[in-house]
Amino acid sequence: MLANFFKNYITGRVGDSGSSLVSYRTARTDSSMDYEDMSDTGYKKNVVVYRCVHMIARTIASVNWIMRKMNESHEIDEIIYKHEILELIERPNSNQYRATFMEAAVSYLMLSGNCYIMALRDANDGGKPIELHLLRPDRVKIIPGKSSIPEGYEYVVGNDRRIFEVDPENGASDILHIKLFNPVDDWYGMSPVEAVLGSISQHNAIAQQNISFLQNGGRPSGALMYNSSLDHQKRNDLKNDLRSLYEGGRNAGKILLLEGNFEWKEMGLSPKDLDFISGKELAAKEIAMAFGVPPILIGFMADATFSNYKEARYNFWEETILPVLNILSGELSNWFQILFNTDLTFWYDLDSIPALSKRRESEWNKISSAEFLTINEKREAFGYPPIENLETSRD
């Protein structure tokens, strides 16, 4: 019953026209167009953006999550691997598992700069969250508040609207809004796609030009020059004959036979003059740079070696994935603490990430070689319990 209700709710088929449907003065009205345009131009039609978003989202989706119990000094007292929050993340709703849910959440965040997660509560169990659902960013509008906390979130599908209220004291809501930094907007995040739209347009234009060039049999556009004058009928007949006999890929390789004093003059630059290949590669590298993905990881193998690839993969985790994980885990942790009334923190399991073994080995070597630490202090640093009745000597 809950699933059916939410299905109607999320698609805007709940015919409620009561007090929950309100209007407001200052709302972003162009977010839908921006998101649709960026998704179409920068994701569906651009292989580099698709690959970068796909890599970041799939990588984060592979990460395991844990609960942490912190002490008063903000140090980890205990790591918990079984908890109702972790169970909810493993199966957020009937249609998604953890990996598909997190992949979609991060993809929304990368493409729009915003990610909205809705908690569906069980009215028969004290309002405890039992499902999590992602809301399409272009369907959510923020109702601005008087302070940095919004008054609410409006979910719009067609002519149907639903308002999610926000507690003005602590910002608690059934909607979690995760956003990337935006220097010119107080409420909405900024997508990396916006910063690199010029390079995306260039990359798409070069790809389309190459397709058009190939469809024309590899021939650039040009003009057929005649030293004398032609009447209107002859001019049209000549243009139609040239189009039907020589234009397009199906006529590639045919010999052009001209009678009279005709001369062919190319009007466009050759691909060599335009340097399409290097221009396309430069645009692709700029796109990858905006997303923080090393070019070697998306197929630029000019100077690729196993060592370079391994180092690029490590840097990808350190400089791109971990910062995004910190944003996700911090926002989700604060939200879950309010929803579940717990003091446990929700965090990612850093030790389960194979790509960061280099970092762990370095830390372990430093601790192991530290002569000023006792064995129990070293064991504590590695997460192992102390050995009882062990002398505290540092020898």
Protein backbone atom coordinates (compact mmCIF):
# COMPACT_ATOMS: atom_id res chain seq x y z
CA MET A 1 0.00 0.00 0.00
CA LEU A 2 2.86 2.36 0.82
CA ALA A 3 4.56 1.58 -2.48
CA ASN A 4 1.36 2.27 -4.44
CA PHE A 5 0.85 5.54 -2.57
CA PHE A 6 4.36 6.70 -3.27
CA LYS A 7 4.11 5.66 -6.93
CA ASN A 8 1.12 7.97 -7.32
CA TYR A 9 2.79 10.57 -5.15
CA ILE A 10 6.05 10.70 -7.06
CA THR A 11 4.36 10.87 -10.47
CA GLY A 12 1.99 13.61 -9.39
CA ARG A 13 -1.24 11.60 -9.51
CA VAL A 14 -2.30 12.31 -5.94
CA GLY A 15 -5.37 14.44 -6.45
CA ASP A 16 -4.99 16.55 -3.32
CA SER A 17 -5.81 20.20 -3.80
CA GLY A 18 -5.89 21.07 -0.11
CA SER A 19 -3.76 23.36 1.98
CA SER A 20 -0.54 21.52 1.16
CA LEU A 21 -0.60 23.02 -2.34
CA VAL A 22 0.66 26.56 -1.94
CA SER A 23 2.31 29.15 -4.10
CA TYR A 24 5.29 31.34 -3.38
CA ARG A 25 6.84 34.39 -4.93
CA THR A 26 10.55 33.67 -5.36
CA ALA A 27 11.22 30.31 -6.92
CA ARG A 28 13.65 29.15 -9.53
CA THR A 29 11.67 28.78 -12.76
CA ASP A 30 14.46 27.83 -15.18
CA SER A 31 15.90 24.81 -13.32
CA SER A 32 13.90 22.36 -15.42
CA MET A 33 15.15 23.81 -18.70
CA ASP A 34 18.74 24.02 -17.45
CA TYR A 35 18.75 20.45 -16.22
CA GLU A 36 17.12 19.04 -19.34
CA ASP A 37 19.47 20.93 -21.66
CA MET A 38 22.57 19.94 -19.72
CA SER A 39 21.46 16.32 -19.47
CA ASP A 40 20.71 16.14 -23.19
CA THR A 41 23.74 18.07 -24.48
CA GLY A 42 26.23 17.12 -21.82
CA TYR A 43 25.31 13.53 -20.96
CA LYS A 44 23.17 11.85 -23.60
CA LYS A 45 25.10 13.34 -26.54
CA ASN A 46 28.63 13.59 -25.17
CA VAL A 47 30.63 10.45 -24.51
CA VAL A 48 33.22 12.19 -22.32
CA VAL A 49 30.65 13.64 -19.90
CA TYR A 50 28.82 10.32 -19.86
CA ARG A 51 32.03 8.47 -19.05
CA CYS A 52 33.09 10.91 -16.31
CA VAL A 53 29.69 10.93 -14.58
CA HIS A 54 29.42 7.16 -14.99
CA MET A 55 32.88 6.60 -13.47
CA ILE A 56 32.30 8.85 -10.46
CA ALA A 57 28.80 7.47 -9.78
CA ARG A 58 29.74 3.80 -10.22
CA THR A 59 32.87 4.19 -8.09
CA ILE A 60 30.98 5.78 -5.20
CA ALA A 61 28.22 3.19 -5.54
CA SER A 62 30.78 0.44 -4.85
CA VAL A 63 31.71 1.85 -1.43
CA ASN A 64 30.51 0.11 1.74
CA TRP A 65 28.93 2.10 4.58
CA ILE A 66 29.29 1.83 8.35
CA MET A 67 27.98 3.44 11.53
CA ARG A 68 30.40 5.01 13.98
CA LYS A 69 30.01 5.69 17.67
CA MET A 70 32.02 8.77 18.63
CA ASN A 71 33.19 9.88 22.06
CA GLU A 72 33.22 13.39 23.50
CA SER A 73 36.58 14.06 21.88
CA HIS A 74 35.10 13.19 18.45
CA GLU A 75 37.19 10.05 18.27
CA ILE A 76 35.84 6.71 17.10
CA ASP A 77 34.80 4.50 20.00
CA GLU A 78 33.17 1.74 18.00
CA ILE A 79 32.47 0.76 14.41
CA ILE A 80 29.05 -0.80 13.81
CA TYR A 81 28.37 -2.96 10.77
CA LYS A 82 24.76 -3.90 11.51
CA HIS A 83 22.18 -1.19 12.03
CA GLU A 84 18.70 -0.27 10.79
CA ILE A 85 20.14 2.67 8.86
CA LEU A 86 22.59 0.39 7.05
CA GLU A 87 19.74 -2.00 6.26
CA LEU A 88 17.76 0.91 4.81
CA ILE A 89 20.70 1.95 2.63
CA GLU A 90 21.18 -1.64 1.41
CA ARG A 91 17.55 -1.72 0.19
CA PRO A 92 16.29 1.87 0.09
CA ASN A 93 13.09 0.96 -1.78
CA SER A 94 11.46 -1.90 -3.62
CA ASN A 95 12.96 -0.88 -6.96
CA GLN A 96 16.57 -0.18 -5.99
CA TYR A 97 19.46 -1.62 -4.08
CA ARG A 98 22.32 0.33 -2.54
CA ALA A 99 24.47 0.40 -5.70
CA THR A 100 21.74 1.58 -8.09
CA PHE A 101 20.42 4.09 -5.55
CA MET A 102 23.83 5.66 -4.90
CA GLU A 103 24.73 5.64 -8.59
CA ALA A 104 21.56 7.57 -9.43
CA ALA A 105 22.05 9.97 -6.51
CA VAL A 106 25.61 10.85 -7.52
CA SER A 107 24.62 11.12 -11.20
CA TYR A 108 21.94 13.67 -10.29
CA LEU A 109 24.48 15.56 -8.19
CA MET A 110 27.05 15.68 -11.00
CA LEU A 111 24.58 16.66 -13.73
CA SER A 112 22.50 19.25 -11.86
CA GLY A 113 24.60 20.13 -8.82
CA ASN A 114 21.64 19.02 -6.70
CA CYS A 115 20.43 15.72 -5.27
CA TYR A 116 17.11 15.33 -3.45
CA ILE A 117 16.32 12.26 -1.32
CA MET A 118 12.86 11.72 0.18
CA ALA A 119 12.22 9.60 3.26
CA LEU A 120 8.94 7.68 3.26
CA ARG A 121 7.72 7.09 6.80
CA ASP A 122 5.63 4.31 8.29
CA ALA A 123 2.62 5.83 10.03
CA ASN A 124 2.11 2.63 12.04
CA ASP A 125 5.61 2.65 13.55
CA GLY A 126 6.01 6.10 15.02
CA GLY A 127 6.86 7.69 11.66
CA LYS A 128 10.10 5.73 11.27
CA PRO A 129 11.62 6.01 7.75
CA ILE A 130 11.17 2.74 5.88
CA GLU A 131 12.01 3.79 2.29
CA LEU A 132 14.24 6.29 0.54
CA HIS A 133 13.42 7.68 -2.90
CA LEU A 134 15.32 10.00 -5.23
CA LEU A 135 13.49 13.00 -6.69
CA ARG A 136 14.40 14.31 -10.12
CA PRO A 137 16.17 17.67 -9.58
CA ASP A 138 14.22 19.46 -12.29
CA ARG A 139 10.96 18.63 -10.52
CA VAL A 140 11.96 20.13 -7.17
CA LYS A 141 11.67 23.82 -6.36
CA ILE A 142 12.94 25.35 -3.16
CA ILE A 143 10.70 27.71 -1.21
CA PRO A 144 13.19 30.28 0.11
CA GLY A 145 13.19 31.08 3.79
CA LYS A 146 14.09 34.21 5.67
CA SER A 147 17.37 32.69 6.83
CA SER A 148 19.66 30.10 5.27
CA ILE A 149 17.02 27.42 5.95
CA PRO A 150 14.35 27.05 3.25
CA GLU A 151 10.68 27.11 4.17
CA GLY A 152 10.03 23.97 2.20
CA TYR A 153 10.45 21.96 -0.98
CA GLU A 154 7.85 21.81 -3.70
CA TYR A 155 7.75 18.73 -5.89
CA VAL A 156 6.06 19.47 -9.21
CA VAL A 157 4.89 17.02 -11.87
CA GLY A 158 2.67 18.59 -14.51
CA ASN A 159 -0.11 20.46 -12.74
CA ASP A 160 0.27 18.52 -9.49
CA ARG A 161 2.31 19.88 -6.60
CA ARG A 162 3.29 18.63 -3.17
CA ILE A 163 4.93 20.65 -0.41
CA PHE A 164 7.48 19.20 2.03
CA GLU A 165 7.77 21.44 5.05
CA VAL A 166 11.07 22.24 6.79
CA ASP A 167 11.53 22.79 10.51
CA PRO A 168 12.74 26.41 10.80
CA GLU A 169 14.73 25.61 13.94
CA ASN A 170 17.04 22.81 12.76
CA GLY A 171 16.18 22.41 9.07
CA ALA A 172 14.70 18.94 9.61
CA SER A 173 12.63 17.67 6.71
CA ASP A 174 11.59 14.51 4.92
CA ILE A 175 13.65 15.88 2.02
CA LEU A 176 17.44 15.88 2.10
CA HIS A 177 18.97 18.38 -0.31
CA ILE A 178 22.62 17.72 -1.15
CA LYS A 179 24.21 20.37 -3.34
CA LEU A 180 27.54 21.41 -4.77
CA PHE A 181 28.90 24.91 -4.18
CA ASN A 182 27.36 27.65 -6.29
CA PRO A 183 28.92 31.14 -6.04
CA VAL A 184 25.85 32.98 -7.42
CA ASP A 185 22.90 31.06 -5.98
CA ASP A 186 21.95 30.73 -2.31
CA TRP A 187 19.64 27.75 -2.76
CA TYR A 188 20.70 25.62 -5.72
CA GLY A 189 24.00 23.90 -6.41
CA MET A 190 26.13 24.27 -9.52
CA SER A 191 26.89 21.34 -11.79
CA PRO A 192 30.39 20.75 -13.22
CA VAL A 193 28.64 20.63 -16.60
CA GLU A 194 27.89 24.36 -16.34
CA ALA A 195 31.58 25.19 -15.95
CA VAL A 196 32.56 23.31 -19.07
CA LEU A 197 29.62 23.92 -21.41
CA GLY A 198 31.90 25.62 -23.94
CA SER A 199 34.17 22.59 -24.23
CA ILE A 200 31.15 20.28 -24.41
CA SER A 201 29.68 22.33 -27.26
CA GLN A 202 33.03 22.31 -29.05
CA HIS A 203 33.40 18.55 -28.63
CA ASN A 204 29.85 17.95 -29.87
CA ALA A 205 30.29 20.33 -32.81
CA ILE A 206 33.48 18.60 -33.94
CA ALA A 207 31.82 15.21 -33.68
CA GLN A 208 28.82 16.43 -35.69
CA GLN A 209 31.10 18.05 -38.28
CA ASN A 210 32.99 14.79 -38.71
CA ILE A 211 29.72 12.91 -39.19
CA SER A 212 28.52 15.42 -41.78
CA PHE A 213 31.86 15.32 -43.54
CA LEU A 214 31.77 11.51 -43.75
CA GLN A 215 28.16 11.54 -44.91
CA ASN A 216 29.26 13.80 -47.74
CA GLY A 217 31.84 11.26 -48.86
CA GLY A 218 34.75 13.12 -47.30
CA ARG A 219 34.26 16.12 -49.56
CA PRO A 220 34.20 19.65 -48.09
CA SER A 221 31.58 22.14 -49.24
CA GLY A 222 32.36 24.24 -52.28
CA ALA A 223 31.11 26.30 -55.22
CA LEU A 224 30.79 25.48 -58.90
CA MET A 225 31.97 28.56 -60.80
CA TYR A 226 30.97 29.34 -64.41
CA ASN A 227 32.51 32.20 -66.32
CA SER A 228 29.34 32.94 -68.23
CA SER A 229 25.79 33.51 -67.07
CA LEU A 230 23.09 30.86 -66.67
CA ASP A 231 19.37 31.40 -66.74
CA HIS A 232 17.27 30.43 -63.75
CA GLN A 233 16.12 27.08 -65.16
CA LYS A 234 19.62 25.91 -66.12
CA ARG A 235 21.00 26.96 -62.75
CA ASN A 236 18.36 24.93 -60.92
CA ASP A 237 18.87 21.93 -63.18
CA LEU A 238 22.63 22.00 -62.55
CA LYS A 239 22.17 22.25 -58.77
CA ASN A 240 19.71 19.37 -58.72
CA ASP A 241 21.97 17.20 -60.89
CA LEU A 242 24.98 17.82 -58.64
CA ARG A 243 22.96 17.02 -55.50
CA SER A 244 21.47 13.83 -56.84
CA LEU A 245 24.63 12.51 -58.54
CA TYR A 246 27.47 13.61 -56.27
CA GLU A 247 26.20 14.81 -52.86
CA GLY A 248 26.10 12.44 -49.87
CA GLY A 249 27.93 9.33 -48.73
CA ARG A 250 26.17 7.04 -51.22
CA ASN A 251 27.80 8.95 -54.10
CA ALA A 252 31.32 8.82 -52.63
CA GLY A 253 33.97 7.93 -55.21
CA LYS A 254 31.98 9.06 -58.24
CA ILE A 255 33.83 11.11 -60.83
CA LEU A 256 32.57 14.62 -61.44
CA LEU A 257 32.19 15.32 -65.16
CA LEU A 258 31.72 18.95 -66.15
CA GLU A 259 31.05 20.26 -69.64
CA GLY A 260 31.87 23.79 -70.54
CA ASN A 261 33.94 26.37 -68.74
CA PHE A 262 33.24 25.18 -65.17
CA GLU A 263 35.58 25.36 -62.21
CA TRP A 264 35.15 23.83 -58.74
CA LYS A 265 36.30 25.87 -55.76
CA GLU A 266 36.32 24.57 -52.18
CA MET A 267 34.57 26.87 -49.72
CA GLY A 268 35.35 25.12 -46.41
CA LEU A 269 38.57 24.35 -44.62
CA SER A 270 39.92 20.83 -44.71
CA PRO A 271 39.89 18.71 -41.53
CA LYS A 272 43.68 19.05 -41.44
CA ASP A 273 43.41 22.84 -41.49
CA LEU A 274 40.83 22.79 -38.73
CA ASP A 275 42.90 20.23 -36.78
CA PHE A 276 39.80 18.39 -35.62
CA ILE A 277 41.58 15.60 -33.80
CA SER A 278 43.70 17.77 -31.51
CA GLY A 279 40.81 20.17 -30.94
CA LYS A 280 38.52 17.33 -29.96
CA GLU A 281 41.13 15.86 -27.61
CA LEU A 282 41.71 19.24 -25.96
CA ALA A 283 37.97 19.71 -25.40
CA ALA A 284 37.71 16.18 -23.96
CA LYS A 285 40.59 16.80 -21.56
CA GLU A 286 38.99 20.04 -20.36
CA ILE A 287 35.74 18.17 -19.67
CA ALA A 288 37.60 15.46 -17.75
CA MET A 289 39.47 18.14 -15.78
CA ALA A 290 36.20 19.79 -14.74
CA PHE A 291 34.94 16.50 -13.32
CA GLY A 292 38.28 15.61 -11.72
CA VAL A 293 38.80 12.47 -13.79
CA PRO A 294 42.37 11.80 -15.01
CA PRO A 295 42.32 11.63 -18.85
CA ILE A 296 44.14 8.30 -18.81
CA LEU A 297 41.12 6.75 -17.07
CA ILE A 298 38.75 7.74 -19.88
CA GLY A 299 40.82 6.42 -22.75
CA PHE A 300 43.68 8.84 -23.45
CA MET A 301 46.49 6.29 -23.59
CA ALA A 302 49.26 8.33 -25.29
CA ASP A 303 51.76 8.02 -22.44
CA ALA A 304 49.98 5.26 -20.57
CA THR A 305 51.91 2.71 -18.55
CA PHE A 306 50.76 0.44 -15.77
CA SER A 307 52.49 2.69 -13.25
CA ASN A 308 50.84 5.84 -14.65
CA TYR A 309 47.43 4.19 -14.70
CA LYS A 310 47.80 2.98 -11.10
CA GLU A 311 48.88 6.43 -9.94
CA ALA A 312 46.01 8.09 -11.85
CA ARG A 313 43.52 5.70 -10.25
CA TYR A 314 44.89 6.51 -6.79
CA ASN A 315 44.73 10.27 -7.47
CA PHE A 316 41.17 9.86 -8.78
CA TRP A 317 40.15 8.42 -5.42
CA GLU A 318 42.12 10.93 -3.35
CA GLU A 319 41.18 14.12 -5.22
CA THR A 320 37.71 13.36 -6.59
CA ILE A 321 35.94 10.40 -4.98
CA LEU A 322 36.83 11.01 -1.33
CA PRO A 323 35.72 14.69 -1.37
CA VAL A 324 32.36 13.68 -2.86
CA LEU A 325 32.08 10.86 -0.30
CA ASN A 326 32.76 13.35 2.48
CA ILE A 327 29.89 15.54 1.24
CA LEU A 328 27.48 12.61 0.92
CA SER A 329 28.35 10.98 4.23
CA GLY A 330 28.26 14.28 6.15
CA GLU A 331 24.85 15.30 4.79
CA LEU A 332 23.36 11.81 5.15
CA SER A 333 24.76 11.43 8.66
CA ASN A 334 23.16 14.66 9.91
CA TRP A 335 19.86 13.75 8.26
CA PHE A 336 19.79 10.20 9.65
CA GLN A 337 20.60 11.42 13.15
CA ILE A 338 17.43 13.53 13.09
CA LEU A 339 15.23 10.94 11.37
CA PHE A 340 16.28 8.05 13.61
CA ASN A 341 17.00 10.08 16.76
CA THR A 342 20.48 8.62 17.13
CA ASP A 343 23.91 9.96 17.96
CA LEU A 344 25.67 7.48 15.67
CA THR A 345 27.34 8.86 12.55
CA PHE A 346 26.88 7.43 9.07
CA TRP A 347 30.18 7.09 7.22
CA TYR A 348 31.95 5.20 4.44
CA ASP A 349 34.21 2.23 5.14
CA LEU A 350 37.61 3.54 4.11
CA ASP A 351 39.40 0.29 4.92
CA SER A 352 37.30 -1.68 2.42
CA ILE A 353 38.46 0.37 -0.59
CA PRO A 354 41.16 -1.59 -2.50
CA ALA A 355 42.38 1.44 -4.47
CA LEU A 356 43.51 3.13 -1.24
CA SER A 357 45.69 0.26 -0.06
CA LYS A 358 48.70 2.45 -0.85
CA ARG A 359 47.55 4.99 1.74
CA ARG A 360 46.87 2.30 4.36
CA GLU A 361 50.25 0.66 3.81
CA SER A 362 51.97 4.01 4.30
CA GLU A 363 50.08 4.66 7.55
CA TRP A 364 50.71 1.15 8.84
CA ASN A 365 54.44 1.42 8.10
CA LYS A 366 54.65 4.73 9.96
CA ILE A 367 52.85 3.33 13.00
CA SER A 368 54.77 0.04 12.97
CA SER A 369 58.12 1.82 12.87
CA ALA A 370 57.22 4.34 15.57
CA GLU A 371 59.46 3.42 18.49
CA PHE A 372 57.72 5.85 20.86
CA LEU A 373 54.45 3.83 20.75
CA THR A 374 53.70 0.77 22.85
CA ILE A 375 52.35 -2.42 21.27
CA ASN A 376 48.88 -1.71 22.64
CA GLU A 377 48.98 1.83 21.26
CA LYS A 378 49.90 0.43 17.87
CA ARG A 379 47.12 -2.15 18.10
CA GLU A 380 44.65 0.58 18.99
CA ALA A 381 45.75 2.61 15.97
CA PHE A 382 45.08 -0.42 13.75
CA GLY A 383 41.67 -0.97 15.35
CA TYR A 384 42.60 -4.06 17.39
CA PRO A 385 41.83 -4.52 21.10
CA PRO A 386 44.70 -4.19 23.58
CA ILE A 387 46.56 -7.19 24.95
CA GLU A 388 45.86 -7.42 28.67
CA ASN A 389 48.63 -7.66 31.27
CA LEU A 390 51.11 -6.35 28.72
CA GLU A 391 53.88 -4.17 30.00
CA THR A 392 53.76 -0.58 28.79
CA SER A 393 57.42 -0.57 27.89
CA ARG A 394 58.20 0.90 24.47
CA ASP A 395 61.11 -1.43 23.92
